[in-house]
N, C-alpha and C. Protein backbone atom coordinates (compact mmCIF):
# COMPACT_ATOMS: atom_id res chain seq x y z
N PRO A 1 209.84 186.39 -112.79
CA PRO A 1 210.01 187.59 -113.60
C PRO A 1 209.12 188.72 -113.11
N GLU A 2 209.48 189.92 -113.49
CA GLU A 2 208.71 191.11 -113.13
C GLU A 2 207.35 191.06 -113.82
N ALA A 3 206.30 191.45 -113.09
CA ALA A 3 204.95 191.46 -113.66
C ALA A 3 204.86 192.53 -114.74
N SER A 4 204.14 192.22 -115.80
CA SER A 4 203.97 193.19 -116.89
C SER A 4 203.05 194.32 -116.42
N GLU A 5 203.10 195.42 -117.16
CA GLU A 5 202.23 196.56 -116.82
C GLU A 5 200.76 196.18 -116.97
N GLN A 6 200.46 195.36 -117.97
CA GLN A 6 199.08 194.93 -118.17
C GLN A 6 198.61 194.07 -116.99
N ALA A 7 199.48 193.19 -116.49
CA ALA A 7 199.13 192.36 -115.34
C ALA A 7 198.90 193.22 -114.10
N MET A 8 199.75 194.23 -113.91
CA MET A 8 199.59 195.12 -112.75
C MET A 8 198.31 195.97 -112.90
N SER A 9 198.02 196.39 -114.11
CA SER A 9 196.79 197.15 -114.35
C SER A 9 195.56 196.30 -114.03
N TYR A 10 195.59 195.03 -114.45
CA TYR A 10 194.50 194.11 -114.15
C TYR A 10 194.36 193.91 -112.64
N TYR A 11 195.49 193.76 -111.97
CA TYR A 11 195.49 193.58 -110.52
C TYR A 11 194.92 194.81 -109.80
N ARG A 12 195.40 196.01 -110.16
CA ARG A 12 194.94 197.24 -109.50
C ARG A 12 193.46 197.50 -109.78
N SER A 13 193.06 197.34 -111.02
CA SER A 13 191.64 197.56 -111.34
C SER A 13 190.76 196.51 -110.67
N GLY A 14 191.31 195.29 -110.48
CA GLY A 14 190.57 194.24 -109.78
C GLY A 14 190.34 194.59 -108.32
N ASN A 15 191.33 195.22 -107.69
CA ASN A 15 191.15 195.65 -106.30
C ASN A 15 190.07 196.71 -106.17
N ILE A 16 190.06 197.67 -107.10
CA ILE A 16 189.03 198.71 -107.10
C ILE A 16 187.67 198.08 -107.35
N LEU A 17 187.60 197.18 -108.33
CA LEU A 17 186.34 196.51 -108.65
C LEU A 17 185.83 195.71 -107.46
N TRP A 18 186.71 195.01 -106.76
CA TRP A 18 186.31 194.23 -105.59
C TRP A 18 185.71 195.15 -104.53
N THR A 19 186.32 196.31 -104.30
CA THR A 19 185.81 197.26 -103.31
C THR A 19 184.43 197.76 -103.70
N VAL A 20 184.26 198.08 -104.97
CA VAL A 20 182.95 198.55 -105.46
C VAL A 20 181.91 197.44 -105.31
N GLN A 21 182.27 196.20 -105.64
CA GLN A 21 181.33 195.08 -105.52
C GLN A 21 180.93 194.85 -104.06
N GLN A 22 181.87 194.97 -103.14
CA GLN A 22 181.53 194.78 -101.72
C GLN A 22 180.59 195.88 -101.24
N ALA A 23 180.88 197.12 -101.63
CA ALA A 23 180.00 198.24 -101.24
C ALA A 23 178.62 198.05 -101.84
N TRP A 24 178.56 197.65 -103.12
CA TRP A 24 177.27 197.46 -103.79
C TRP A 24 176.48 196.32 -103.14
N SER A 25 177.18 195.28 -102.69
CA SER A 25 176.49 194.15 -102.05
C SER A 25 175.86 194.56 -100.72
N LEU A 26 176.32 195.64 -100.12
CA LEU A 26 175.69 196.18 -98.91
C LEU A 26 174.61 197.19 -99.26
N ILE A 27 174.82 197.96 -100.32
CA ILE A 27 173.87 199.01 -100.70
C ILE A 27 172.55 198.42 -101.18
N VAL A 28 172.58 197.36 -101.97
CA VAL A 28 171.34 196.79 -102.53
C VAL A 28 170.36 196.37 -101.43
N PRO A 29 170.78 195.56 -100.44
CA PRO A 29 169.82 195.21 -99.38
C PRO A 29 169.37 196.43 -98.57
N LEU A 30 170.27 197.40 -98.36
CA LEU A 30 169.88 198.62 -97.64
C LEU A 30 168.84 199.41 -98.42
N LEU A 31 168.97 199.45 -99.74
CA LEU A 31 167.95 200.11 -100.57
C LEU A 31 166.60 199.41 -100.43
N PHE A 32 166.63 198.08 -100.42
CA PHE A 32 165.39 197.32 -100.24
C PHE A 32 164.72 197.70 -98.92
N LEU A 33 165.53 197.82 -97.86
CA LEU A 33 164.99 198.19 -96.55
C LEU A 33 164.54 199.65 -96.51
N TYR A 34 165.39 200.54 -96.95
CA TYR A 34 165.15 201.98 -96.86
C TYR A 34 163.93 202.41 -97.67
N LYS A 35 163.76 201.83 -98.85
CA LYS A 35 162.64 202.20 -99.71
C LYS A 35 161.35 201.47 -99.34
N GLY A 36 161.40 200.63 -98.34
CA GLY A 36 160.21 199.90 -97.91
C GLY A 36 159.84 198.75 -98.83
N PHE A 37 160.73 198.42 -99.73
CA PHE A 37 160.42 197.38 -100.69
C PHE A 37 160.37 196.00 -100.03
N THR A 38 161.15 195.82 -98.98
CA THR A 38 161.16 194.54 -98.27
C THR A 38 159.78 194.24 -97.70
N GLY A 39 159.14 195.24 -97.10
CA GLY A 39 157.80 195.05 -96.54
C GLY A 39 156.78 194.75 -97.63
N LYS A 40 156.87 195.46 -98.75
CA LYS A 40 155.94 195.22 -99.86
C LYS A 40 156.13 193.83 -100.43
N LEU A 41 157.38 193.42 -100.54
CA LEU A 41 157.68 192.09 -101.04
C LEU A 41 157.19 191.02 -100.06
N ALA A 42 157.30 191.29 -98.77
CA ALA A 42 156.80 190.35 -97.75
C ALA A 42 155.28 190.22 -97.84
N SER A 43 154.59 191.34 -98.00
CA SER A 43 153.12 191.29 -98.13
C SER A 43 152.70 190.53 -99.37
N PHE A 44 153.40 190.78 -100.47
CA PHE A 44 153.11 190.06 -101.71
C PHE A 44 153.34 188.56 -101.53
N SER A 45 154.43 188.21 -100.85
CA SER A 45 154.77 186.80 -100.64
C SER A 45 153.75 186.10 -99.77
N GLU A 46 153.21 186.81 -98.77
CA GLU A 46 152.20 186.22 -97.90
C GLU A 46 150.92 185.88 -98.65
N LYS A 47 150.60 186.67 -99.69
CA LYS A 47 149.40 186.39 -100.49
C LYS A 47 149.58 185.12 -101.32
N TRP A 48 150.80 184.89 -101.81
CA TRP A 48 151.07 183.76 -102.67
C TRP A 48 151.47 182.50 -101.90
N GLY A 49 152.11 182.66 -100.77
CA GLY A 49 152.58 181.52 -100.00
C GLY A 49 151.45 180.86 -99.25
N LYS A 50 151.40 179.55 -99.30
CA LYS A 50 150.34 178.81 -98.63
C LYS A 50 150.65 178.56 -97.16
N ASN A 51 151.93 178.52 -96.82
CA ASN A 51 152.35 178.36 -95.43
C ASN A 51 153.66 179.13 -95.26
N TRP A 52 154.24 179.06 -94.08
CA TRP A 52 155.43 179.87 -93.81
C TRP A 52 156.58 179.55 -94.76
N TYR A 53 156.76 178.26 -95.12
CA TYR A 53 157.86 177.89 -95.99
C TYR A 53 157.68 178.49 -97.38
N PHE A 54 156.51 178.33 -97.96
CA PHE A 54 156.28 178.85 -99.31
C PHE A 54 156.29 180.38 -99.34
N THR A 55 155.87 180.99 -98.26
CA THR A 55 155.95 182.45 -98.17
C THR A 55 157.41 182.91 -98.25
N ILE A 56 158.27 182.23 -97.51
CA ILE A 56 159.69 182.57 -97.52
C ILE A 56 160.31 182.29 -98.89
N VAL A 57 159.94 181.18 -99.51
CA VAL A 57 160.49 180.83 -100.82
C VAL A 57 160.05 181.85 -101.87
N VAL A 58 158.78 182.25 -101.86
CA VAL A 58 158.31 183.26 -102.82
C VAL A 58 159.08 184.56 -102.61
N TYR A 59 159.24 184.96 -101.36
CA TYR A 59 160.00 186.18 -101.05
C TYR A 59 161.42 186.08 -101.59
N LEU A 60 162.09 184.96 -101.30
CA LEU A 60 163.48 184.80 -101.72
C LEU A 60 163.63 184.73 -103.24
N ILE A 61 162.69 184.09 -103.91
CA ILE A 61 162.74 184.04 -105.38
C ILE A 61 162.71 185.45 -105.96
N PHE A 62 161.77 186.26 -105.49
CA PHE A 62 161.67 187.62 -106.01
C PHE A 62 162.85 188.48 -105.56
N PHE A 63 163.32 188.29 -104.32
CA PHE A 63 164.47 189.05 -103.84
C PHE A 63 165.72 188.72 -104.66
N ILE A 64 165.98 187.43 -104.87
CA ILE A 64 167.15 187.03 -105.65
C ILE A 64 167.03 187.54 -107.08
N PHE A 65 165.85 187.40 -107.67
CA PHE A 65 165.65 187.86 -109.05
C PHE A 65 165.90 189.37 -109.16
N LEU A 66 165.32 190.15 -108.27
CA LEU A 66 165.47 191.61 -108.34
C LEU A 66 166.89 192.06 -108.00
N SER A 67 167.50 191.45 -106.99
CA SER A 67 168.87 191.84 -106.66
C SER A 67 169.84 191.42 -107.76
N THR A 68 169.57 190.30 -108.43
CA THR A 68 170.40 189.89 -109.57
C THR A 68 170.28 190.90 -110.70
N LEU A 69 169.06 191.39 -110.95
CA LEU A 69 168.89 192.42 -111.98
C LEU A 69 169.63 193.70 -111.62
N LEU A 70 169.61 194.07 -110.34
CA LEU A 70 170.34 195.26 -109.91
C LEU A 70 171.85 195.06 -110.00
N ASN A 71 172.30 193.83 -109.82
CA ASN A 71 173.74 193.53 -109.92
C ASN A 71 174.20 193.30 -111.35
N LEU A 72 173.27 193.14 -112.27
CA LEU A 72 173.61 192.78 -113.65
C LEU A 72 174.62 193.74 -114.30
N PRO A 73 174.45 195.07 -114.24
CA PRO A 73 175.45 195.93 -114.90
C PRO A 73 176.86 195.76 -114.34
N LEU A 74 176.99 195.68 -113.04
CA LEU A 74 178.32 195.53 -112.43
C LEU A 74 178.90 194.15 -112.74
N ASP A 75 178.07 193.12 -112.68
CA ASP A 75 178.54 191.77 -113.00
C ASP A 75 178.94 191.67 -114.47
N PHE A 76 178.16 192.31 -115.34
CA PHE A 76 178.48 192.29 -116.77
C PHE A 76 179.83 192.96 -117.02
N TYR A 77 180.05 194.09 -116.37
CA TYR A 77 181.34 194.75 -116.53
C TYR A 77 182.48 193.87 -116.00
N ALA A 78 182.30 193.32 -114.79
CA ALA A 78 183.37 192.55 -114.14
C ALA A 78 183.68 191.26 -114.88
N ASP A 79 182.65 190.54 -115.29
CA ASP A 79 182.86 189.20 -115.84
C ASP A 79 182.90 189.14 -117.36
N TYR A 80 182.42 190.18 -118.02
CA TYR A 80 182.42 190.15 -119.49
C TYR A 80 183.30 191.25 -120.09
N VAL A 81 182.96 192.50 -119.82
CA VAL A 81 183.67 193.62 -120.43
C VAL A 81 185.13 193.64 -120.02
N ARG A 82 185.38 193.56 -118.75
CA ARG A 82 186.76 193.62 -118.24
C ARG A 82 187.60 192.44 -118.73
N GLU A 83 187.03 191.24 -118.70
CA GLU A 83 187.77 190.06 -119.15
C GLU A 83 188.11 190.14 -120.64
N HIS A 84 187.18 190.70 -121.44
CA HIS A 84 187.46 190.88 -122.86
C HIS A 84 188.50 191.98 -123.09
N ALA A 85 188.44 193.03 -122.28
CA ALA A 85 189.38 194.14 -122.42
C ALA A 85 190.82 193.68 -122.19
N TYR A 86 191.01 192.70 -121.31
CA TYR A 86 192.34 192.18 -121.02
C TYR A 86 192.64 190.89 -121.80
N HIS A 87 191.79 190.57 -122.76
CA HIS A 87 191.98 189.40 -123.63
C HIS A 87 192.04 188.09 -122.85
N LEU A 88 191.22 188.00 -121.80
CA LEU A 88 191.16 186.79 -120.98
C LEU A 88 189.91 185.96 -121.28
N SER A 89 189.06 186.46 -122.17
CA SER A 89 187.83 185.75 -122.48
C SER A 89 187.48 185.92 -123.95
N ASN A 90 186.91 184.86 -124.53
CA ASN A 90 186.36 184.93 -125.87
C ASN A 90 184.90 184.51 -125.87
N GLN A 91 184.29 184.60 -124.70
CA GLN A 91 182.90 184.19 -124.49
C GLN A 91 181.96 185.16 -125.20
N SER A 92 180.93 184.63 -125.83
CA SER A 92 179.94 185.49 -126.49
C SER A 92 178.99 186.07 -125.43
N ILE A 93 178.32 187.15 -125.79
CA ILE A 93 177.35 187.76 -124.86
C ILE A 93 176.23 186.77 -124.55
N GLY A 94 175.78 186.06 -125.57
CA GLY A 94 174.71 185.08 -125.37
C GLY A 94 175.10 183.99 -124.37
N ARG A 95 176.32 183.49 -124.50
CA ARG A 95 176.78 182.45 -123.57
C ARG A 95 176.94 183.01 -122.17
N TRP A 96 177.43 184.25 -122.07
CA TRP A 96 177.57 184.87 -120.75
C TRP A 96 176.20 185.04 -120.10
N LEU A 97 175.21 185.53 -120.84
CA LEU A 97 173.86 185.70 -120.30
C LEU A 97 173.24 184.35 -119.92
N TYR A 98 173.48 183.33 -120.73
CA TYR A 98 172.98 181.99 -120.43
C TYR A 98 173.54 181.50 -119.10
N LYS A 99 174.86 181.63 -118.92
CA LYS A 99 175.48 181.19 -117.66
C LYS A 99 175.01 182.04 -116.48
N TYR A 100 174.78 183.32 -116.72
CA TYR A 100 174.30 184.20 -115.66
C TYR A 100 172.90 183.77 -115.21
N ALA A 101 172.04 183.45 -116.18
CA ALA A 101 170.68 182.99 -115.86
C ALA A 101 170.72 181.64 -115.14
N ILE A 102 171.59 180.73 -115.59
CA ILE A 102 171.73 179.43 -114.92
C ILE A 102 172.19 179.63 -113.48
N SER A 103 173.13 180.54 -113.28
CA SER A 103 173.63 180.83 -111.93
C SER A 103 172.51 181.34 -111.02
N MET A 104 171.67 182.23 -111.56
CA MET A 104 170.54 182.73 -110.78
C MET A 104 169.57 181.59 -110.45
N GLY A 105 169.31 180.73 -111.42
CA GLY A 105 168.43 179.59 -111.18
C GLY A 105 168.97 178.64 -110.13
N VAL A 106 170.27 178.38 -110.18
CA VAL A 106 170.90 177.51 -109.18
C VAL A 106 170.79 178.14 -107.79
N SER A 107 170.98 179.45 -107.71
CA SER A 107 170.85 180.15 -106.42
C SER A 107 169.44 180.00 -105.87
N ILE A 108 168.44 180.19 -106.72
CA ILE A 108 167.04 180.08 -106.28
C ILE A 108 166.73 178.67 -105.80
N VAL A 109 167.15 177.67 -106.57
CA VAL A 109 166.88 176.28 -106.18
C VAL A 109 167.61 175.94 -104.89
N GLY A 110 168.87 176.37 -104.77
CA GLY A 110 169.64 176.09 -103.56
C GLY A 110 169.04 176.72 -102.33
N VAL A 111 168.61 177.97 -102.45
CA VAL A 111 167.98 178.66 -101.32
C VAL A 111 166.67 177.98 -100.95
N ALA A 112 165.85 177.65 -101.95
CA ALA A 112 164.57 176.99 -101.68
C ALA A 112 164.77 175.63 -101.02
N ALA A 113 165.85 174.95 -101.40
CA ALA A 113 166.09 173.61 -100.84
C ALA A 113 166.55 173.64 -99.39
N PHE A 114 167.28 174.69 -98.99
CA PHE A 114 167.90 174.67 -97.67
C PHE A 114 167.38 175.71 -96.68
N VAL A 115 166.68 176.74 -97.14
CA VAL A 115 166.29 177.82 -96.23
C VAL A 115 165.33 177.33 -95.14
N TRP A 116 164.51 176.35 -95.47
CA TRP A 116 163.53 175.87 -94.50
C TRP A 116 164.21 175.35 -93.23
N ILE A 117 165.43 174.80 -93.38
CA ILE A 117 166.14 174.26 -92.21
C ILE A 117 166.32 175.34 -91.15
N PHE A 118 166.77 176.53 -91.58
CA PHE A 118 167.11 177.59 -90.63
C PHE A 118 165.86 178.21 -90.00
N TYR A 119 164.80 178.35 -90.79
CA TYR A 119 163.56 178.88 -90.22
C TYR A 119 162.89 177.85 -89.30
N TRP A 120 163.01 176.59 -89.63
CA TRP A 120 162.48 175.54 -88.78
C TRP A 120 163.23 175.54 -87.45
N LEU A 121 164.57 175.68 -87.52
CA LEU A 121 165.37 175.74 -86.28
C LEU A 121 165.02 176.97 -85.46
N LEU A 122 164.79 178.09 -86.11
CA LEU A 122 164.40 179.32 -85.41
C LEU A 122 163.05 179.13 -84.71
N LYS A 123 162.16 178.42 -85.36
CA LYS A 123 160.83 178.16 -84.78
C LYS A 123 160.91 177.18 -83.61
N LYS A 124 161.74 176.14 -83.77
CA LYS A 124 161.84 175.10 -82.75
C LYS A 124 162.68 175.52 -81.55
N SER A 125 163.72 176.30 -81.80
CA SER A 125 164.63 176.68 -80.72
C SER A 125 165.00 178.16 -80.85
N PRO A 126 164.12 179.06 -80.43
CA PRO A 126 164.38 180.49 -80.61
C PRO A 126 165.62 181.00 -79.86
N ARG A 127 166.05 180.28 -78.83
CA ARG A 127 167.20 180.75 -78.07
C ARG A 127 168.51 180.20 -78.59
N ARG A 128 168.49 179.02 -79.19
CA ARG A 128 169.73 178.39 -79.63
C ARG A 128 169.75 178.12 -81.14
N TRP A 129 168.86 178.79 -81.89
CA TRP A 129 168.80 178.55 -83.34
C TRP A 129 170.13 178.84 -84.00
N TRP A 130 170.86 179.82 -83.51
CA TRP A 130 172.14 180.20 -84.12
C TRP A 130 173.16 179.08 -84.01
N PHE A 131 173.13 178.35 -82.89
CA PHE A 131 174.05 177.24 -82.70
C PHE A 131 173.69 176.08 -83.62
N TYR A 132 172.41 175.71 -83.60
CA TYR A 132 171.96 174.61 -84.45
C TYR A 132 172.06 174.99 -85.93
N GLY A 133 171.86 176.26 -86.23
CA GLY A 133 172.00 176.75 -87.60
C GLY A 133 173.42 176.63 -88.11
N SER A 134 174.40 176.89 -87.22
CA SER A 134 175.80 176.74 -87.65
C SER A 134 176.14 175.27 -87.88
N LEU A 135 175.59 174.39 -87.07
CA LEU A 135 175.80 172.95 -87.31
C LEU A 135 175.15 172.53 -88.62
N ALA A 136 173.93 173.02 -88.87
CA ALA A 136 173.24 172.71 -90.12
C ALA A 136 174.00 173.27 -91.32
N SER A 137 174.59 174.44 -91.17
CA SER A 137 175.38 175.03 -92.26
C SER A 137 176.56 174.15 -92.62
N THR A 138 177.19 173.59 -91.61
CA THR A 138 178.32 172.69 -91.85
C THR A 138 177.87 171.47 -92.65
N VAL A 139 176.73 170.91 -92.28
CA VAL A 139 176.20 169.75 -92.99
C VAL A 139 175.84 170.12 -94.43
N VAL A 140 175.19 171.28 -94.62
CA VAL A 140 174.81 171.73 -95.96
C VAL A 140 176.05 171.93 -96.83
N LEU A 141 177.09 172.56 -96.28
CA LEU A 141 178.32 172.76 -97.03
C LEU A 141 178.97 171.42 -97.40
N PHE A 142 178.91 170.48 -96.48
CA PHE A 142 179.46 169.15 -96.76
C PHE A 142 178.70 168.49 -97.90
N ILE A 143 177.37 168.59 -97.89
CA ILE A 143 176.55 168.02 -98.95
C ILE A 143 176.87 168.70 -100.28
N MET A 144 177.02 170.03 -100.27
CA MET A 144 177.29 170.77 -101.50
C MET A 144 178.64 170.39 -102.11
N MET A 145 179.60 169.97 -101.29
CA MET A 145 180.89 169.53 -101.82
C MET A 145 180.72 168.33 -102.75
N PHE A 146 179.70 167.50 -102.50
CA PHE A 146 179.45 166.34 -103.33
C PHE A 146 178.49 166.65 -104.47
N VAL A 147 177.55 167.55 -104.23
CA VAL A 147 176.53 167.88 -105.23
C VAL A 147 177.10 168.74 -106.36
N GLN A 148 177.93 169.73 -106.02
CA GLN A 148 178.40 170.68 -107.02
C GLN A 148 179.14 170.04 -108.19
N PRO A 149 180.15 169.21 -107.97
CA PRO A 149 180.85 168.67 -109.14
C PRO A 149 180.02 167.71 -109.98
N ILE A 150 179.01 167.11 -109.38
CA ILE A 150 178.22 166.10 -110.10
C ILE A 150 177.03 166.72 -110.83
N TRP A 151 176.32 167.65 -110.20
CA TRP A 151 175.10 168.17 -110.80
C TRP A 151 175.15 169.66 -111.18
N ILE A 152 175.94 170.46 -110.50
CA ILE A 152 175.94 171.90 -110.79
C ILE A 152 176.99 172.28 -111.83
N ASP A 153 178.21 171.85 -111.65
CA ASP A 153 179.27 172.21 -112.61
C ASP A 153 178.95 171.80 -114.05
N PRO A 154 178.34 170.63 -114.30
CA PRO A 154 178.00 170.28 -115.68
C PRO A 154 176.97 171.23 -116.33
N LEU A 155 176.26 172.01 -115.53
CA LEU A 155 175.35 173.00 -116.11
C LEU A 155 176.11 174.14 -116.78
N PHE A 156 177.35 174.37 -116.35
CA PHE A 156 178.15 175.48 -116.85
C PHE A 156 179.23 175.05 -117.84
N TYR A 157 179.75 173.84 -117.70
CA TYR A 157 180.89 173.40 -118.50
C TYR A 157 180.63 172.02 -119.07
N GLY A 158 181.23 171.75 -120.23
CA GLY A 158 181.12 170.44 -120.85
C GLY A 158 182.24 169.52 -120.38
N PHE A 159 181.89 168.47 -119.67
CA PHE A 159 182.87 167.49 -119.20
C PHE A 159 182.89 166.30 -120.15
N GLY A 160 184.06 165.74 -120.38
CA GLY A 160 184.17 164.57 -121.22
C GLY A 160 185.42 163.79 -120.87
N PRO A 161 185.62 162.64 -121.51
CA PRO A 161 186.81 161.85 -121.24
C PRO A 161 188.06 162.60 -121.71
N MET A 162 189.15 162.36 -121.03
CA MET A 162 190.40 163.03 -121.38
C MET A 162 190.93 162.48 -122.70
N LYS A 163 191.29 163.39 -123.58
CA LYS A 163 191.76 162.99 -124.91
C LYS A 163 193.23 162.56 -124.89
N ASN A 164 194.03 163.21 -124.07
CA ASN A 164 195.45 162.88 -123.96
C ASN A 164 195.60 161.71 -122.97
N LYS A 165 195.64 160.50 -123.50
CA LYS A 165 195.66 159.30 -122.65
C LYS A 165 196.97 159.17 -121.86
N GLU A 166 198.07 159.68 -122.41
CA GLU A 166 199.35 159.63 -121.70
C GLU A 166 199.29 160.49 -120.44
N LEU A 167 198.74 161.70 -120.59
CA LEU A 167 198.59 162.60 -119.44
C LEU A 167 197.62 162.01 -118.42
N GLU A 168 196.58 161.36 -118.91
CA GLU A 168 195.61 160.72 -118.01
C GLU A 168 196.29 159.64 -117.18
N LYS A 169 197.16 158.84 -117.80
CA LYS A 169 197.90 157.80 -117.07
C LYS A 169 198.79 158.42 -115.99
N GLU A 170 199.46 159.53 -116.33
CA GLU A 170 200.32 160.20 -115.36
C GLU A 170 199.51 160.72 -114.17
N ILE A 171 198.36 161.31 -114.44
CA ILE A 171 197.51 161.85 -113.36
C ILE A 171 197.01 160.72 -112.47
N LEU A 172 196.55 159.62 -113.08
CA LEU A 172 196.06 158.48 -112.30
C LEU A 172 197.18 157.83 -111.49
N ALA A 173 198.40 157.81 -112.04
CA ALA A 173 199.54 157.26 -111.29
C ALA A 173 199.85 158.14 -110.09
N LEU A 174 199.81 159.45 -110.28
CA LEU A 174 200.03 160.38 -109.18
C LEU A 174 198.94 160.21 -108.11
N ALA A 175 197.69 160.06 -108.55
CA ALA A 175 196.59 159.85 -107.60
C ALA A 175 196.79 158.54 -106.84
N SER A 176 197.24 157.51 -107.54
CA SER A 176 197.47 156.21 -106.90
C SER A 176 198.56 156.31 -105.83
N ARG A 177 199.63 157.05 -106.13
CA ARG A 177 200.69 157.25 -105.13
C ARG A 177 200.18 158.02 -103.92
N ALA A 178 199.15 158.85 -104.13
CA ALA A 178 198.57 159.62 -103.02
C ALA A 178 197.50 158.83 -102.29
N GLY A 179 197.26 157.58 -102.72
CA GLY A 179 196.29 156.73 -102.03
C GLY A 179 194.88 156.84 -102.58
N ILE A 180 194.72 157.43 -103.76
CA ILE A 180 193.39 157.58 -104.38
C ILE A 180 193.30 156.54 -105.48
N GLU A 181 192.49 155.53 -105.25
CA GLU A 181 192.35 154.44 -106.22
C GLU A 181 191.01 154.53 -106.93
N GLY A 182 190.96 154.04 -108.14
CA GLY A 182 189.70 153.95 -108.88
C GLY A 182 189.15 155.28 -109.34
N GLY A 183 189.98 156.30 -109.43
CA GLY A 183 189.52 157.61 -109.87
C GLY A 183 189.41 157.69 -111.38
N ARG A 184 188.68 158.69 -111.84
CA ARG A 184 188.56 158.96 -113.26
C ARG A 184 189.00 160.40 -113.51
N VAL A 185 189.49 160.67 -114.70
CA VAL A 185 189.95 162.00 -115.06
C VAL A 185 189.06 162.52 -116.18
N PHE A 186 188.53 163.73 -116.00
CA PHE A 186 187.70 164.34 -117.02
C PHE A 186 188.36 165.58 -117.58
N GLU A 187 188.04 165.90 -118.80
CA GLU A 187 188.54 167.09 -119.44
C GLU A 187 187.37 168.08 -119.54
N VAL A 188 187.64 169.34 -119.23
CA VAL A 188 186.63 170.37 -119.29
C VAL A 188 186.96 171.29 -120.46
N ASP A 189 185.99 171.49 -121.35
CA ASP A 189 186.20 172.36 -122.51
C ASP A 189 185.97 173.80 -122.12
N MET A 190 187.05 174.51 -121.80
CA MET A 190 186.96 175.92 -121.43
C MET A 190 187.25 176.85 -122.61
N SER A 191 187.61 176.29 -123.75
CA SER A 191 188.03 177.11 -124.88
C SER A 191 186.90 177.97 -125.44
N THR A 192 185.64 177.63 -125.16
CA THR A 192 184.54 178.46 -125.63
C THR A 192 184.38 179.72 -124.78
N ASP A 193 185.00 179.73 -123.60
CA ASP A 193 184.85 180.87 -122.69
C ASP A 193 186.15 181.66 -122.49
N THR A 194 187.25 180.97 -122.45
CA THR A 194 188.50 181.65 -122.08
C THR A 194 189.68 181.11 -122.87
């Protein structure tokens, strides 16, 4: 069927919003560089960091925190105001802020956990760090495929056993025909958000 005017409006405004978000994602780091804030943040991090790794982690924690604050108005509009305007969300402001803070925390922990790999590779192999870094990125992404559904997604959504047992049987039968045995089906409560 033909798309409704509201659907087309959402689509067109989404394209404009995406363009603004991409431009803003370039402007924020450039502002950090242009205003000399990166150097000040590096000096501050060197005072607090005990070695090169902790210096980088302190820098990244403050950088992520400050850039998240700068992104907050645009993210709030994109993920809260706009979604409510098109009746796609019933999420409360408190829940949205909670998830936003959790997302920032996950970013900080993830960066702190993996950034040392790339700086260590840069230190060990200054000429080929980019090659070894791309291999390490592949391994990190592979690890994240297993970590995210088990430890990260439950921070944002409530998972539980599927209530519709008939549908669960159908899904497991389909998985069995596809060669996936011993799987479990979980239900995610999205009704509090959307």
